[in-house]
């Protein structure tokens, strides 16, 4: 869509949603550094970025949800605002030409400015865990039954006590081959109520050493007031 053909008024900011993967090369890159990497990629693509107002303007970029350090992802989300309307495929091509190792831009779509903030729309996240040395089906299934049967799972995070159990929404062992199994889990990812896969593994008594944790998807929706 060209700016001349766009029906929105002059001065309107244009909101686009990026789908991207954080791969092995960026596995140990934290949330803030990932944000900076995405910003540099957008700048290198020479996109007409929209900036915030105030004494220290910065590009308007919002990531959907922080990813625990050491995890990778396949379908993370970020919203970006531009000063000019562009076709999503043009944005995608520009970003893919300059994307750094470890960051893979998968898709771009136009999004309504009227939508709530992206983090406020995230309700759940889906993770898959596999182990380099493998974990048997019997161990996985027994651990799953035990944790799902617990009425509560007291934990402490950053000095605050909380119950992990309500944040575990679903879990199962999934076969990847006749001998191989992975742990699939769906965790709450609401603001102020987010389950962490590493904490779930610890509560299950499963090893973190050798575990490869991948966030497969973020599930969006409208939260109840």
C-alpha atoms as a PDB file:
ATOM      1  CA  UNK A   1       0.000   0.000   0.000  1.00  0.00           C
ATOM      2  CA  UNK A   2       1.462   3.377  -0.952  1.00  0.00           C
ATOM      3  CA  UNK A   3       1.029   6.448   1.278  1.00  0.00           C
ATOM      4  CA  UNK A   4      -0.990   8.120  -1.515  1.00  0.00           C
ATOM      5  CA  UNK A   5      -3.455   5.219  -1.592  1.00  0.00           C
ATOM      6  CA  UNK A   6      -3.849   4.939   2.177  1.00  0.00           C
ATOM      7  CA  UNK A   7      -7.151   6.344   3.543  1.00  0.00           C
ATOM      8  CA  UNK A   8      -5.744   7.303   6.942  1.00  0.00           C
ATOM      9  CA  UNK A   9      -5.175  11.031   7.676  1.00  0.00           C
ATOM     10  CA  UNK A  10      -1.796  12.775   7.294  1.00  0.00           C
ATOM     11  CA  UNK A  11       0.425  12.340  10.344  1.00  0.00           C
ATOM     12  CA  UNK A  12      -1.057   8.962  11.171  1.00  0.00           C
ATOM     13  CA  UNK A  13       1.382   6.392  12.516  1.00  0.00           C
ATOM     14  CA  UNK A  14       1.293   2.949  10.908  1.00  0.00           C
ATOM     15  CA  UNK A  15       1.467  -0.129  13.108  1.00  0.00           C
ATOM     16  CA  UNK A  16       2.916  -3.419  11.878  1.00  0.00           C
ATOM     17  CA  UNK A  17       3.295  -6.757  13.658  1.00  0.00           C
ATOM     18  CA  UNK A  18       6.477  -8.751  13.097  1.00  0.00           C
ATOM     19  CA  UNK A  19       6.693 -12.495  13.612  1.00  0.00           C
ATOM     20  CA  UNK A  20      10.249 -13.580  14.284  1.00  0.00           C
ATOM     21  CA  UNK A  21      12.392 -16.415  15.596  1.00  0.00           C
ATOM     22  CA  UNK A  22      15.228 -16.129  18.106  1.00  0.00           C
ATOM     23  CA  UNK A  23      17.539 -18.967  17.136  1.00  0.00           C
ATOM     24  CA  UNK A  24      20.511 -20.719  18.736  1.00  0.00           C
ATOM     25  CA  UNK A  25      23.013 -17.946  17.932  1.00  0.00           C
ATOM     26  CA  UNK A  26      21.039 -15.584  20.211  1.00  0.00           C
ATOM     27  CA  UNK A  27      20.069 -18.133  22.827  1.00  0.00           C
ATOM     28  CA  UNK A  28      21.877 -16.290  25.629  1.00  0.00           C
ATOM     29  CA  UNK A  29      20.895 -12.775  24.530  1.00  0.00           C
ATOM     30  CA  UNK A  30      18.636 -11.120  27.106  1.00  0.00           C
ATOM     31  CA  UNK A  31      15.389  -9.253  26.551  1.00  0.00           C
ATOM     32  CA  UNK A  32      16.860  -5.730  26.482  1.00  0.00           C
ATOM     33  CA  UNK A  33      19.658  -6.746  24.131  1.00  0.00           C
ATOM     34  CA  UNK A  34      17.131  -8.471  21.877  1.00  0.00           C
ATOM     35  CA  UNK A  35      15.159  -5.212  21.761  1.00  0.00           C
ATOM     36  CA  UNK A  36      18.321  -3.318  20.803  1.00  0.00           C
ATOM     37  CA  UNK A  37      19.162  -5.894  18.125  1.00  0.00           C
ATOM     38  CA  UNK A  38      15.702  -5.570  16.612  1.00  0.00           C
ATOM     39  CA  UNK A  39      16.002  -1.767  16.657  1.00  0.00           C
ATOM     40  CA  UNK A  40      19.371  -1.915  14.858  1.00  0.00           C
ATOM     41  CA  UNK A  41      17.889  -4.289  12.277  1.00  0.00           C
ATOM     42  CA  UNK A  42      15.010  -1.898  11.610  1.00  0.00           C
ATOM     43  CA  UNK A  43      17.443   0.980  11.204  1.00  0.00           C
ATOM     44  CA  UNK A  44      19.667  -1.002   8.827  1.00  0.00           C
ATOM     45  CA  UNK A  45      16.591  -1.790   6.750  1.00  0.00           C
ATOM     46  CA  UNK A  46      16.103   1.997   6.391  1.00  0.00           C
ATOM     47  CA  UNK A  47      12.451   1.831   7.377  1.00  0.00           C
ATOM     48  CA  UNK A  48      10.664   5.147   8.177  1.00  0.00           C
ATOM     49  CA  UNK A  49      10.505   4.534  11.915  1.00  0.00           C
ATOM     50  CA  UNK A  50       8.096   6.518  14.064  1.00  0.00           C
ATOM     51  CA  UNK A  51       9.599   7.936  17.261  1.00  0.00           C
ATOM     52  CA  UNK A  52       8.227   8.598  20.715  1.00  0.00           C
ATOM     53  CA  UNK A  53       7.930  12.170  21.944  1.00  0.00           C
ATOM     54  CA  UNK A  54       9.796  13.801  24.812  1.00  0.00           C
ATOM     55  CA  UNK A  55      13.389  14.677  25.679  1.00  0.00           C
ATOM     56  CA  UNK A  56      14.802  11.324  24.543  1.00  0.00           C
ATOM     57  CA  UNK A  57      12.842  10.092  21.490  1.00  0.00           C
ATOM     58  CA  UNK A  58      13.260   6.446  20.575  1.00  0.00           C
ATOM     59  CA  UNK A  59      11.703   4.209  17.890  1.00  0.00           C
ATOM     60  CA  UNK A  60       8.299   2.853  18.825  1.00  0.00           C
ATOM     61  CA  UNK A  61       8.910  -0.885  19.160  1.00  0.00           C
ATOM     62  CA  UNK A  62       7.088  -3.213  21.542  1.00  0.00           C
ATOM     63  CA  UNK A  63       7.965  -6.875  22.104  1.00  0.00           C
ATOM     64  CA  UNK A  64       5.131  -9.153  23.138  1.00  0.00           C
ATOM     65  CA  UNK A  65       6.749 -11.063  25.998  1.00  0.00           C
ATOM     66  CA  UNK A  66      10.200 -11.534  27.479  1.00  0.00           C
ATOM     67  CA  UNK A  67      11.825 -14.881  26.755  1.00  0.00           C
ATOM     68  CA  UNK A  68      13.751 -16.563  29.593  1.00  0.00           C
ATOM     69  CA  UNK A  69      17.504 -16.485  29.073  1.00  0.00           C
ATOM     70  CA  UNK A  70      18.792 -19.656  27.433  1.00  0.00           C
ATOM     71  CA  UNK A  71      15.553 -20.284  25.512  1.00  0.00           C
ATOM     72  CA  UNK A  72      14.973 -19.942  21.789  1.00  0.00           C
ATOM     73  CA  UNK A  73      11.715 -19.144  20.017  1.00  0.00           C
ATOM     74  CA  UNK A  74       9.960 -19.886  16.752  1.00  0.00           C
ATOM     75  CA  UNK A  75       7.072 -17.406  16.568  1.00  0.00           C
ATOM     76  CA  UNK A  76       7.645 -14.389  18.785  1.00  0.00           C
ATOM     77  CA  UNK A  77       5.901 -11.090  18.116  1.00  0.00           C
ATOM     78  CA  UNK A  78       6.801  -7.410  18.063  1.00  0.00           C
ATOM     79  CA  UNK A  79       4.846  -4.299  17.068  1.00  0.00           C
ATOM     80  CA  UNK A  80       6.615  -1.533  15.141  1.00  0.00           C
ATOM     81  CA  UNK A  81       5.283   1.903  14.161  1.00  0.00           C
ATOM     82  CA  UNK A  82       6.257   3.658  10.924  1.00  0.00           C
ATOM     83  CA  UNK A  83       5.776   7.215   9.720  1.00  0.00           C
ATOM     84  CA  UNK A  84       4.725   6.027   6.266  1.00  0.00           C
ATOM     85  CA  UNK A  85       2.513   3.192   5.069  1.00  0.00           C
ATOM     86  CA  UNK A  86       4.347   0.331   3.399  1.00  0.00           C
ATOM     87  CA  UNK A  87       3.284  -3.023   2.017  1.00  0.00           C
ATOM     88  CA  UNK A  88       4.021  -5.747   4.618  1.00  0.00           C
ATOM     89  CA  UNK A  89       5.940  -7.798   2.045  1.00  0.00           C
ATOM     90  CA  UNK A  90       8.180  -4.821   1.289  1.00  0.00           C
ATOM     91  CA  UNK A  91       8.946  -4.473   5.010  1.00  0.00           C
ATOM     92  CA  UNK A  92       9.620  -8.202   5.259  1.00  0.00           C
ATOM     93  CA  UNK A  93      12.036  -8.197   2.320  1.00  0.00           C
ATOM     94  CA  UNK A  94      13.922  -5.196   3.702  1.00  0.00           C
ATOM     95  CA  UNK A  95      14.323  -6.808   7.122  1.00  0.00           C
ATOM     96  CA  UNK A  96      15.344 -10.217   5.810  1.00  0.00           C
ATOM     97  CA  UNK A  97      18.122  -8.619   3.772  1.00  0.00           C
ATOM     98  CA  UNK A  98      19.792  -7.235   6.924  1.00  0.00           C
ATOM     99  CA  UNK A  99      18.710  -9.607   9.719  1.00  0.00           C
ATOM    100  CA  UNK A 100      21.678 -10.654  11.905  1.00  0.00           C
ATOM    101  CA  UNK A 101      22.606 -14.226  12.841  1.00  0.00           C
ATOM    102  CA  UNK A 102      20.222 -15.520  15.486  1.00  0.00           C
ATOM    103  CA  UNK A 103      17.290 -13.315  14.458  1.00  0.00           C
ATOM    104  CA  UNK A 104      14.987 -14.586  11.703  1.00  0.00           C
ATOM    105  CA  UNK A 105      12.089 -12.402  10.557  1.00  0.00           C
ATOM    106  CA  UNK A 106       9.271 -14.709   9.487  1.00  0.00           C
ATOM    107  CA  UNK A 107       6.373 -12.400   8.627  1.00  0.00           C
ATOM    108  CA  UNK A 108       4.902  -8.902   8.747  1.00  0.00           C
ATOM    109  CA  UNK A 109       1.281  -7.816   8.846  1.00  0.00           C
ATOM    110  CA  UNK A 110      -0.519  -4.497   9.200  1.00  0.00           C
ATOM    111  CA  UNK A 111      -2.232  -4.033  12.562  1.00  0.00           C
ATOM    112  CA  UNK A 112      -4.895  -1.605  13.760  1.00  0.00           C
ATOM    113  CA  UNK A 113      -3.701   1.298  15.870  1.00  0.00           C
ATOM    114  CA  UNK A 114      -6.851   0.802  17.976  1.00  0.00           C
ATOM    115  CA  UNK A 115      -5.699  -2.587  19.271  1.00  0.00           C
ATOM    116  CA  UNK A 116      -4.542  -2.842  22.905  1.00  0.00           C
ATOM    117  CA  UNK A 117      -0.814  -2.945  23.536  1.00  0.00           C
ATOM    118  CA  UNK A 118       0.768  -6.169  22.392  1.00  0.00           C
ATOM    119  CA  UNK A 119       1.923  -7.338  25.877  1.00  0.00           C
ATOM    120  CA  UNK A 120      -1.624  -6.831  27.182  1.00  0.00           C
ATOM    121  CA  UNK A 121      -2.948  -9.219  24.525  1.00  0.00           C
ATOM    122  CA  UNK A 122      -0.680 -12.143  25.415  1.00  0.00           C
ATOM    123  CA  UNK A 123      -2.566 -14.760  27.441  1.00  0.00           C
ATOM    124  CA  UNK A 124      -0.602 -18.002  27.038  1.00  0.00           C
ATOM    125  CA  UNK A 125       2.661 -19.343  25.669  1.00  0.00           C
ATOM    126  CA  UNK A 126       3.548 -22.800  24.411  1.00  0.00           C
ATOM    127  CA  UNK A 127       6.954 -24.362  25.014  1.00  0.00           C
ATOM    128  CA  UNK A 128       8.668 -27.524  23.886  1.00  0.00           C
ATOM    129  CA  UNK A 129      11.554 -29.034  25.868  1.00  0.00           C
ATOM    130  CA  UNK A 130      13.937 -31.681  24.611  1.00  0.00           C
ATOM    131  CA  UNK A 131      17.108 -33.060  26.199  1.00  0.00           C
ATOM    132  CA  UNK A 132      20.412 -33.758  24.472  1.00  0.00           C
ATOM    133  CA  UNK A 133      20.729 -37.070  26.305  1.00  0.00           C
ATOM    134  CA  UNK A 134      17.009 -37.793  26.080  1.00  0.00           C
ATOM    135  CA  UNK A 135      14.445 -38.356  28.818  1.00  0.00           C
ATOM    136  CA  UNK A 136      12.329 -41.508  28.793  1.00  0.00           C
ATOM    137  CA  UNK A 137       8.610 -41.494  28.143  1.00  0.00           C
ATOM    138  CA  UNK A 138       7.948 -43.113  31.533  1.00  0.00           C
ATOM    139  CA  UNK A 139       9.862 -40.420  33.431  1.00  0.00           C
ATOM    140  CA  UNK A 140       8.144 -37.620  31.524  1.00  0.00           C
ATOM    141  CA  UNK A 141       4.648 -38.991  31.966  1.00  0.00           C
ATOM    142  CA  UNK A 142       5.150 -39.754  35.643  1.00  0.00           C
ATOM    143  CA  UNK A 143       6.516 -36.243  36.271  1.00  0.00           C
ATOM    144  CA  UNK A 144       3.578 -34.709  34.379  1.00  0.00           C
ATOM    145  CA  UNK A 145       0.981 -36.666  36.366  1.00  0.00           C
ATOM    146  CA  UNK A 146       2.636 -35.734  39.641  1.00  0.00           C
ATOM    147  CA  UNK A 147       2.841 -32.001  38.984  1.00  0.00           C
ATOM    148  CA  UNK A 148      -0.677 -31.719  37.547  1.00  0.00           C
ATOM    149  CA  UNK A 149      -2.044 -33.524  40.623  1.00  0.00           C
ATOM    150  CA  UNK A 150      -0.521 -31.023  43.030  1.00  0.00           C
ATOM    151  CA  UNK A 151      -2.966 -28.453  44.476  1.00  0.00           C
ATOM    152  CA  UNK A 152      -0.237 -25.817  44.668  1.00  0.00           C
ATOM    153  CA  UNK A 153       3.437 -25.332  43.855  1.00  0.00           C
ATOM    154  CA  UNK A 154       4.906 -22.692  46.195  1.00  0.00           C
ATOM    155  CA  UNK A 155       7.805 -20.812  44.609  1.00  0.00           C
ATOM    156  CA  UNK A 156       9.815 -17.643  45.183  1.00  0.00           C
ATOM    157  CA  UNK A 157      10.799 -15.302  42.358  1.00  0.00           C
ATOM    158  CA  UNK A 158      12.815 -12.134  42.967  1.00  0.00           C
ATOM    159  CA  UNK A 159      12.114 -12.357  46.669  1.00  0.00           C
ATOM    160  CA  UNK A 160       8.338 -12.720  46.265  1.00  0.00           C
ATOM    161  CA  UNK A 161       6.350 -15.872  47.038  1.00  0.00           C
ATOM    162  CA  UNK A 162       3.851 -17.126  44.476  1.00  0.00           C
ATOM    163  CA  UNK A 163       1.981 -20.285  43.428  1.00  0.00           C
ATOM    164  CA  UNK A 164       3.238 -21.766  40.149  1.00  0.00           C
ATOM    165  CA  UNK A 165       0.412 -24.311  39.815  1.00  0.00           C
ATOM    166  CA  UNK A 166      -2.300 -21.965  38.392  1.00  0.00           C
ATOM    167  CA  UNK A 167       0.186 -20.850  35.738  1.00  0.00           C
ATOM    168  CA  UNK A 168       0.556 -24.378  34.312  1.00  0.00           C
ATOM    169  CA  UNK A 169      -2.368 -24.664  31.876  1.00  0.00           C
ATOM    170  CA  UNK A 170      -1.464 -27.865  30.057  1.00  0.00           C
ATOM    171  CA  UNK A 171       1.314 -30.411  29.699  1.00  0.00           C
ATOM    172  CA  UNK A 172       1.999 -33.664  27.865  1.00  0.00           C
ATOM    173  CA  UNK A 173       4.763 -35.899  26.524  1.00  0.00           C
ATOM    174  CA  UNK A 174       4.846 -35.856  22.723  1.00  0.00           C
ATOM    175  CA  UNK A 175       6.619 -38.404  20.574  1.00  0.00           C
ATOM    176  CA  UNK A 176       9.143 -37.119  18.038  1.00  0.00           C
ATOM    177  CA  UNK A 177      10.257 -40.611  16.968  1.00  0.00           C
ATOM    178  CA  UNK A 178       9.690 -44.189  18.169  1.00  0.00           C
ATOM    179  CA  UNK A 179      12.367 -43.611  20.828  1.00  0.00           C
ATOM    180  CA  UNK A 180      12.222 -39.856  21.347  1.00  0.00           C
ATOM    181  CA  UNK A 181       9.875 -37.701  23.398  1.00  0.00           C
ATOM    182  CA  UNK A 182       9.638 -33.987  24.148  1.00  0.00           C
ATOM    183  CA  UNK A 183       7.804 -32.184  26.913  1.00  0.00           C
ATOM    184  CA  UNK A 184       5.105 -29.795  25.678  1.00  0.00           C
ATOM    185  CA  UNK A 185       3.681 -27.248  28.084  1.00  0.00           C
ATOM    186  CA  UNK A 186       1.265 -24.357  27.900  1.00  0.00           C
ATOM    187  CA  UNK A 187       1.826 -21.653  30.506  1.00  0.00           C
ATOM    188  CA  UNK A 188      -0.040 -18.516  31.499  1.00  0.00           C
ATOM    189  CA  UNK A 189       1.622 -15.395  30.122  1.00  0.00           C
ATOM    190  CA  UNK A 190      -0.575 -12.607  31.420  1.00  0.00           C
ATOM    191  CA  UNK A 191       0.901  -9.411  32.803  1.00  0.00           C
ATOM    192  CA  UNK A 192       1.790 -10.146  36.410  1.00  0.00           C
ATOM    193  CA  UNK A 193       1.022 -13.870  36.035  1.00  0.00           C
ATOM    194  CA  UNK A 194       3.619 -15.510  33.809  1.00  0.00           C
ATOM    195  CA  UNK A 195       4.859 -19.076  34.088  1.00  0.00           C
ATOM    196  CA  UNK A 196       8.523 -19.768  33.362  1.00  0.00           C
ATOM    197  CA  UNK A 197       9.464 -23.098  31.773  1.00  0.00           C
ATOM    198  CA  UNK A 198      12.725 -23.403  33.714  1.00  0.00           C
ATOM    199  CA  UNK A 199      10.850 -23.052  37.004  1.00  0.00           C
ATOM    200  CA  UNK A 200       8.364 -25.710  35.880  1.00  0.00           C
ATOM    201  CA  UNK A 201      11.222 -28.117  35.111  1.00  0.00           C
ATOM    202  CA  UNK A 202      12.743 -27.495  38.527  1.00  0.00           C
ATOM    203  CA  UNK A 203       9.389 -28.158  40.209  1.00  0.00           C
ATOM    204  CA  UNK A 204       9.082 -31.415  38.241  1.00  0.00           C
ATOM    205  CA  UNK A 205      12.557 -32.556  39.236  1.00  0.00           C
ATOM    206  CA  UNK A 206      13.641 -32.729  35.595  1.00  0.00           C
ATOM    207  CA  UNK A 207      17.203 -31.735  34.629  1.00  0.00           C
ATOM    208  CA  UNK A 208      17.918 -28.248  33.321  1.00  0.00           C
ATOM    209  CA  UNK A 209      21.376 -29.338  32.179  1.00  0.00           C
ATOM    210  CA  UNK A 210      21.183 -30.382  28.545  1.00  0.00           C
ATOM    211  CA  UNK A 211      17.614 -29.101  28.157  1.00  0.00           C
ATOM    212  CA  UNK A 212      16.734 -27.155  25.007  1.00  0.00           C
ATOM    213  CA  UNK A 213      13.659 -24.989  25.582  1.00  0.00           C
ATOM    214  CA  UNK A 214      11.850 -23.502  22.582  1.00  0.00           C
ATOM    215  CA  UNK A 215       8.867 -21.175  22.742  1.00  0.00           C
ATOM    216  CA  UNK A 216       6.692 -22.387  19.899  1.00  0.00           C
ATOM    217  CA  UNK A 217       3.912 -19.815  20.040  1.00  0.00           C
ATOM    218  CA  UNK A 218       2.327 -16.909  21.855  1.00  0.00           C
ATOM    219  CA  UNK A 219      -1.467 -17.025  22.098  1.00  0.00           C
ATOM    220  CA  UNK A 220      -3.245 -13.677  22.018  1.00  0.00           C
ATOM    221  CA  UNK A 221      -6.713 -12.742  23.210  1.00  0.00           C
ATOM    222  CA  UNK A 222      -8.705 -10.190  25.133  1.00  0.00           C
ATOM    223  CA  UNK A 223      -8.304 -10.353  28.867  1.00  0.00           C
ATOM    224  CA  UNK A 224     -11.250  -9.898  31.173  1.00  0.00           C
ATOM    225  CA  UNK A 225     -11.270  -6.558  32.971  1.00  0.00           C
END
